[in-house]
PDB file of N, CA and C in Angstrom:
ATOM      1  N   MET A   1       0.440  -1.139  -0.166  1.00  0.00           N
ATOM      2  CA  MET A   1       0.058   0.087   0.284  1.00  0.00           C
ATOM      3  C   MET A   1       0.860   1.598   0.040  1.00  0.00           C
ATOM      4  N   LEU A   2       0.693   2.151  -1.168  1.00  0.00           N
ATOM      5  CA  LEU A   2       1.045   3.966  -1.223  1.00  0.00           C
ATOM      6  C   LEU A   2       0.224   4.170   0.161  1.00  0.00           C
ATOM      7  N   LEU A   3       1.419   5.025   0.427  1.00  0.00           N
ATOM      8  CA  LEU A   3       1.156   6.375   1.352  1.00  0.00           C
ATOM      9  C   LEU A   3       1.042   7.458   0.469  1.00  0.00           C
ATOM     10  N   SER A   4       0.235   8.563   0.446  1.00  0.00           N
ATOM     11  CA  SER A   4       1.277   9.922   0.134  1.00  0.00           C
ATOM     12  C   SER A   4       0.848  10.611   0.902  1.00  0.00           C
ATOM     13  N   THR A   5       1.829  10.970   0.606  1.00  0.00           N
ATOM     14  CA  THR A   5       1.724  12.823   1.533  1.00  0.00           C
ATOM     15  C   THR A   5       2.139  13.842   0.659  1.00  0.00           C
ATOM     16  N   THR A   6       1.854  15.247   1.522  1.00  0.00           N
ATOM     17  CA  THR A   6       1.824  16.278   0.504  1.00  0.00           C
ATOM     18  C   THR A   6       3.583  16.377   0.618  1.00  0.00           C
ATOM     19  N   ASP A   7       4.212  17.726   0.019  1.00  0.00           N
ATOM     20  CA  ASP A   7       4.955  18.539   0.189  1.00  0.00           C
ATOM     21  C   ASP A   7       5.089  19.098   1.216  1.00  0.00           C
ATOM     22  N   ASP A   8       4.014  19.693   1.801  1.00  0.00           N
ATOM     23  CA  ASP A   8       4.177  19.971   2.749  1.00  0.00           C
ATOM     24  C   ASP A   8       4.606  19.597   3.804  1.00  0.00           C
ATOM     25  N   SER A   9       3.787  17.871   4.196  1.00  0.00           N
ATOM     26  CA  SER A   9       4.203  17.390   4.840  1.00  0.00           C
ATOM     27  C   SER A   9       5.614  16.498   4.806  1.00  0.00           C
ATOM     28  N   VAL A  10       6.062  16.252   4.056  1.00  0.00           N
ATOM     29  CA  VAL A  10       7.278  16.168   4.051  1.00  0.00           C
ATOM     30  C   VAL A  10       8.367  17.096   3.984  1.00  0.00           C
ATOM     31  N   LEU A  11       8.655  18.534   4.211  1.00  0.00           N
ATOM     32  CA  LEU A  11       9.054  19.279   4.553  1.00  0.00           C
ATOM     33  C   LEU A  11       9.330  19.868   6.407  1.00  0.00           C
ATOM     34  N   ALA A  12       7.904  19.583   6.403  1.00  0.00           N
ATOM     35  CA  ALA A  12       7.805  19.752   8.006  1.00  0.00           C
ATOM     36  C   ALA A  12       9.128  18.707   9.018  1.00  0.00           C
ATOM     37  N   ALA A  13       8.267  17.528   7.856  1.00  0.00           N
ATOM     38  CA  ALA A  13       8.962  16.548   8.394  1.00  0.00           C
ATOM     39  C   ALA A  13      10.978  17.230   8.973  1.00  0.00           C
ATOM     40  N   ALA A  14      10.711  16.839   7.651  1.00  0.00           N
ATOM     41  CA  ALA A  14      12.917  17.156   7.148  1.00  0.00           C
ATOM     42  C   ALA A  14      12.554  18.329   8.771  1.00  0.00           C
ATOM     43  N   GLU A  15      12.313  19.940   8.726  1.00  0.00           N
ATOM     44  CA  GLU A  15      12.068  20.680   9.059  1.00  0.00           C
ATOM     45  C   GLU A  15      12.280  20.174  10.562  1.00  0.00           C
ATOM     46  N   ALA A  16      11.396  18.982  11.290  1.00  0.00           N
ATOM     47  CA  ALA A  16      12.031  18.236  12.092  1.00  0.00           C
ATOM     48  C   ALA A  16      13.016  17.808  13.240  1.00  0.00           C
ATOM     49  N   LEU A  17      13.630  16.688  11.320  1.00  0.00           N
ATOM     50  CA  LEU A  17      14.364  16.369  12.188  1.00  0.00           C
ATOM     51  C   LEU A  17      15.703  17.096  12.005  1.00  0.00           C
ATOM     52  N   GLY A  18      15.812  18.160  10.999  1.00  0.00           N
ATOM     53  CA  GLY A  18      17.451  19.188  10.983  1.00  0.00           C
ATOM     54  C   GLY A  18      17.222  19.308  11.955  1.00  0.00           C
ATOM     55  N   GLU A  19      16.279  19.615  13.119  1.00  0.00           N
ATOM     56  CA  GLU A  19      16.310  20.048  14.366  1.00  0.00           C
ATOM     57  C   GLU A  19      16.748  19.445  15.013  1.00  0.00           C
ATOM     58  N   GLU A  20      15.961  18.408  15.265  1.00  0.00           N
ATOM     59  CA  GLU A  20      17.069  17.121  15.938  1.00  0.00           C
ATOM     60  C   GLU A  20      18.324  16.853  16.210  1.00  0.00           C
ATOM     61  N   LEU A  21      18.848  16.874  14.825  1.00  0.00           N
ATOM     62  CA  LEU A  21      20.205  16.510  14.339  1.00  0.00           C
ATOM     63  C   LEU A  21      20.447  18.003  14.917  1.00  0.00           C
ATOM     64  N   ARG A  22      20.578  19.286  14.546  1.00  0.00           N
ATOM     65  CA  ARG A  22      21.020  20.251  15.382  1.00  0.00           C
ATOM     66  C   ARG A  22      21.503  20.353  16.782  1.00  0.00           C
ATOM     67  N   ASN A  23      19.840  19.216  17.671  1.00  0.00           N
ATOM     68  CA  ASN A  23      20.162  19.844  18.791  1.00  0.00           C
ATOM     69  C   ASN A  23      21.046  18.262  19.752  1.00  0.00           C
ATOM     70  N   ALA A  24      20.849  16.760  18.505  1.00  0.00           N
ATOM     71  CA  ALA A  24      22.285  16.616  19.226  1.00  0.00           C
ATOM     72  C   ALA A  24      23.124  16.862  18.643  1.00  0.00           C
ATOM     73  N   GLN A  25      23.703  17.645  17.635  1.00  0.00           N
ATOM     74  CA  GLN A  25      24.982  17.929  17.339  1.00  0.00           C
ATOM     75  C   GLN A  25      25.495  19.207  18.762  1.00  0.00           C
ATOM     76  N   GLU A  26      24.851  19.694  19.041  1.00  0.00           N
ATOM     77  CA  GLU A  26      25.128  20.478  20.475  1.00  0.00           C
ATOM     78  C   GLU A  26      25.154  19.869  21.440  1.00  0.00           C
ATOM     79  N   GLU A  27      24.299  18.350  22.086  1.00  0.00           N
ATOM     80  CA  GLU A  27      24.511  17.639  23.258  1.00  0.00           C
ATOM     81  C   GLU A  27      25.827  17.386  23.170  1.00  0.00           C
ATOM     82  N   SER A  28      26.071  16.697  21.951  1.00  0.00           N
ATOM     83  CA  SER A  28      27.670  15.776  21.241  1.00  0.00           C
ATOM     84  C   SER A  28      28.890  16.772  21.122  1.00  0.00           C
ATOM     85  N   THR A  29      28.344  18.395  21.148  1.00  0.00           N
ATOM     86  CA  THR A  29      29.578  19.182  21.418  1.00  0.00           C
ATOM     87  C   THR A  29      30.037  19.209  22.527  1.00  0.00           C
ATOM     88  N   GLU A  30      29.281  19.356  23.240  1.00  0.00           N
ATOM     89  CA  GLU A  30      29.345  19.806  25.044  1.00  0.00           C
ATOM     90  C   GLU A  30      29.713  18.361  25.961  1.00  0.00           C
ATOM     91  N   PHE A  31      29.325  17.051  25.399  1.00  0.00           N
ATOM     92  CA  PHE A  31      29.766  16.468  26.024  1.00  0.00           C
ATOM     93  C   PHE A  31      31.231  15.940  25.344  1.00  0.00           C
ATOM     94  N   ASP A  32      31.693  16.428  23.945  1.00  0.00           N
ATOM     95  CA  ASP A  32      33.315  15.977  23.836  1.00  0.00           C
ATOM     96  C   ASP A  32      34.335  16.856  24.468  1.00  0.00           C
ATOM     97  N   SER A  33      33.212  18.393  24.713  1.00  0.00           N
ATOM     98  CA  SER A  33      34.320  19.408  25.939  1.00  0.00           C
ATOM     99  C   SER A  33      34.528  18.953  26.570  1.00  0.00           C
ATOM    100  N   LEU A  34      33.401  18.695  27.656  1.00  0.00           N
ATOM    101  CA  LEU A  34      33.607  17.527  28.699  1.00  0.00           C
ATOM    102  C   LEU A  34      34.272  16.843  29.119  1.00  0.00           C
ATOM    103  N   LEU A  35      34.827  16.333  28.186  1.00  0.00           N
ATOM    104  CA  LEU A  35      35.056  14.235  27.848  1.00  0.00           C
ATOM    105  C   LEU A  35      36.560  15.648  27.489  1.00  0.00           C
ATOM    106  N   LEU A  36      37.238  16.128  27.019  1.00  0.00           N
ATOM    107  CA  LEU A  36      39.060  16.549  26.619  1.00  0.00           C
ATOM    108  C   LEU A  36      39.108  16.764  28.248  1.00  0.00           C
ATOM    109  N   ARG A  37      38.559  17.922  28.997  1.00  0.00           N
ATOM    110  CA  ARG A  37      38.302  18.742  30.145  1.00  0.00           C
ATOM    111  C   ARG A  37      38.630  17.702  31.256  1.00  0.00           C
ATOM    112  N   CYS A  38      37.801  16.722  31.478  1.00  0.00           N
ATOM    113  CA  CYS A  38      37.921  15.601  32.617  1.00  0.00           C
ATOM    114  C   CYS A  38      39.114  14.411  32.080  1.00  0.00           C
ATOM    115  N   ASN A  39      39.822  14.403  30.315  1.00  0.00           N
ATOM    116  CA  ASN A  39      41.237  13.732  30.420  1.00  0.00           C
ATOM    117  C   ASN A  39      41.810  14.781  30.682  1.00  0.00           C
ATOM    118  N   ASP A  40      42.533  16.174  30.620  1.00  0.00           N
ATOM    119  CA  ASP A  40      43.216  16.947  30.933  1.00  0.00           C
ATOM    120  C   ASP A  40      43.560  17.191  32.543  1.00  0.00           C
ATOM    121  N   THR A  41      42.401  17.075  33.364  1.00  0.00           N
ATOM    122  CA  THR A  41      42.668  16.746  34.522  1.00  0.00           C
ATOM    123  C   THR A  41      43.344  15.555  35.132  1.00  0.00           C
ATOM    124  N   ILE A  42      42.979  14.419  34.648  1.00  0.00           N
ATOM    125  CA  ILE A  42      43.056  12.724  35.178  1.00  0.00           C
ATOM    126  C   ILE A  42      44.440  12.973  34.722  1.00  0.00           C
ATOM    127  N   THR A  43      44.827  14.093  33.383  1.00  0.00           N
ATOM    128  CA  THR A  43      46.352  13.504  33.048  1.00  0.00           C
ATOM    129  C   THR A  43      47.430  14.399  34.203  1.00  0.00           C
ATOM    130  N   GLU A  44      46.977  16.142  34.108  1.00  0.00           N
ATOM    131  CA  GLU A  44      47.234  16.657  35.243  1.00  0.00           C
ATOM    132  C   GLU A  44      47.358  16.348  36.658  1.00  0.00           C
ATOM    133  N   GLU A  45      46.508  15.569  37.307  1.00  0.00           N
ATOM    134  CA  GLU A  45      46.462  15.235  38.640  1.00  0.00           C
ATOM    135  C   GLU A  45      47.275  13.923  38.958  1.00  0.00           C
ATOM    136  N   ILE A  46      47.214  13.216  38.016  1.00  0.00           N
ATOM    137  CA  ILE A  46      47.547  11.456  37.864  1.00  0.00           C
ATOM    138  C   ILE A  46      49.064  11.357  37.291  1.00  0.00           C
ATOM    139  N   GLY A  47      49.299  12.215  35.972  1.00  0.00           N
ATOM    140  CA  GLY A  47      50.715  12.584  35.788  1.00  0.00           C
ATOM    141  C   GLY A  47      50.396  11.106  34.307  1.00  0.00           C
ATOM    142  N   VAL A  48      49.282  10.745  33.934  1.00  0.00           N
ATOM    143  CA  VAL A  48      49.315   9.460  32.934  1.00  0.00           C
ATOM    144  C   VAL A  48      48.213   9.669  31.860  1.00  0.00           C
ATOM    145  N   ASP A  49      48.418  10.339  31.288  1.00  0.00           N
ATOM    146  CA  ASP A  49      47.585  10.718  30.400  1.00  0.00           C
ATOM    147  C   ASP A  49      46.628   9.680  29.821  1.00  0.00           C
ATOM    148  N   TYR A  50      45.162   9.848  29.889  1.00  0.00           N
ATOM    149  CA  TYR A  50      43.929   9.114  29.799  1.00  0.00           C
ATOM    150  C   TYR A  50      44.292   8.696  28.702  1.00  0.00           C
ATOM    151  N   GLY A  51      44.117   9.420  27.657  1.00  0.00           N
ATOM    152  CA  GLY A  51      44.282   9.147  26.469  1.00  0.00           C
ATOM    153  C   GLY A  51      45.142   7.611  25.743  1.00  0.00           C
ATOM    154  N   ASP A  52      46.070   8.180  25.810  1.00  0.00           N
ATOM    155  CA  ASP A  52      47.351   6.827  25.300  1.00  0.00           C
ATOM    156  C   ASP A  52      46.654   6.115  26.456  1.00  0.00           C
ATOM    157  N   ALA A  53      46.954   5.856  27.955  1.00  0.00           N
ATOM    158  CA  ALA A  53      46.813   4.502  28.688  1.00  0.00           C
ATOM    159  C   ALA A  53      45.061   4.087  28.071  1.00  0.00           C
ATOM    160  N   CYS A  54      44.485   4.596  27.868  1.00  0.00           N
ATOM    161  CA  CYS A  54      43.089   3.689  26.819  1.00  0.00           C
ATOM    162  C   CYS A  54      42.963   3.202  25.478  1.00  0.00           C
ATOM    163  N   ASP A  55      44.293   3.790  24.995  1.00  0.00           N
ATOM    164  CA  ASP A  55      44.403   3.527  23.719  1.00  0.00           C
ATOM    165  C   ASP A  55      44.871   2.413  23.429  1.00  0.00           C
ATOM    166  N   THR A  56      45.391   1.349  24.383  1.00  0.00           N
ATOM    167  CA  THR A  56      46.432   0.667  24.246  1.00  0.00           C
ATOM    168  C   THR A  56      45.028  -1.009  24.233  1.00  0.00           C
ATOM    169  N   ASP A  57      45.145  -2.228  23.606  1.00  0.00           N
ATOM    170  CA  ASP A  57      44.759  -3.109  22.793  1.00  0.00           C
ATOM    171  C   ASP A  57      44.178  -3.719  24.100  1.00  0.00           C
ATOM    172  N   ASP A  58      44.779  -3.457  25.155  1.00  0.00           N
ATOM    173  CA  ASP A  58      44.215  -4.603  26.309  1.00  0.00           C
ATOM    174  C   ASP A  58      43.439  -3.825  27.359  1.00  0.00           C
ATOM    175  N   CYS A  59      43.132  -2.434  26.983  1.00  0.00           N
ATOM    176  CA  CYS A  59      42.331  -1.744  28.095  1.00  0.00           C
ATOM    177  C   CYS A  59      41.331  -0.625  27.273  1.00  0.00           C
ATOM    178  N   CYS A  60      40.286  -0.630  28.144  1.00  0.00           N
ATOM    179  CA  CYS A  60      39.281   0.079  27.653  1.00  0.00           C
ATOM    180  C   CYS A  60      38.732  -0.541  26.436  1.00  0.00           C
TER     181      CYS A  60
END
């Protein structure tokens, strides 16, 4: 069964999807920034580069 949609409903759905994608990107950017700050703090506090330590094959 084929469903018919109007151009307006397709555009509305595309706009809604675009808005959700923008929100997800903003949240991802905030998370990435927080993660980098946490990694920097771990490195400063314990003297081990968390990114390097977690980049080994037998870790994380």
